[in-house]
Amino acid sequence: MRPARKSTRVRLWGATVAAVAVAAYCWWSTGLRPFTVPAYAAVGLPVVALAVVAAATRGAWRRATHGSAPGRTKTPNLGLRRVLPWTVLLAAAAGLEGAGLALGGRSSSVPTLSTVVDHALAWHVVRFVMFAAWLAVGFAPTIRPRWRHRYDVALR
């Protein structure tokens, strides 16, 4: 019983150290001057890391989506219930952007999304949160199948 408990503790510490390292990287990279070589490198490094992680976890993705039996395949559950909220959100964003552009793009009552984002990016904390969210969204599809496979095996 103790080895499993120690393994869980080690994983928790590893995840905590990784989260702190990613947060520190996000804070450092969002403090760089925009449109400079170091800023481009700071954005490009996670893209390269994502490509490496995606290539390394390719087998876990196949096991999680296709199951362990040779003839059994799981189809992704992309029904209307899962897609509708994202479709509504994208339609609302496109509608607001279109209304803002129709009003000349400089309206104070209906600003475009790019205007709102530009004003929000003036603060380092907002840049940090947006960069961390961008990393999380980018890495989630590569990490999720490993967790799903691990928990599916544990539940059997």
Foldseek 3Di string as FASTA:
>chain_A
DVVVVVVVVVVVVVVVVVVVVVLVLLLVLLPDDPPDPSNVVSLVVLVVVLVVLQVVLVVLLCCLQQPDDPVGGHDDPPDCVNCVVVVVVVVVLVVLQVVCVVVPQPDPVRHHPVVVVVVQSVDSVSSSVVVVVVSCVSNVVSVVSNVSVVVVVVVD
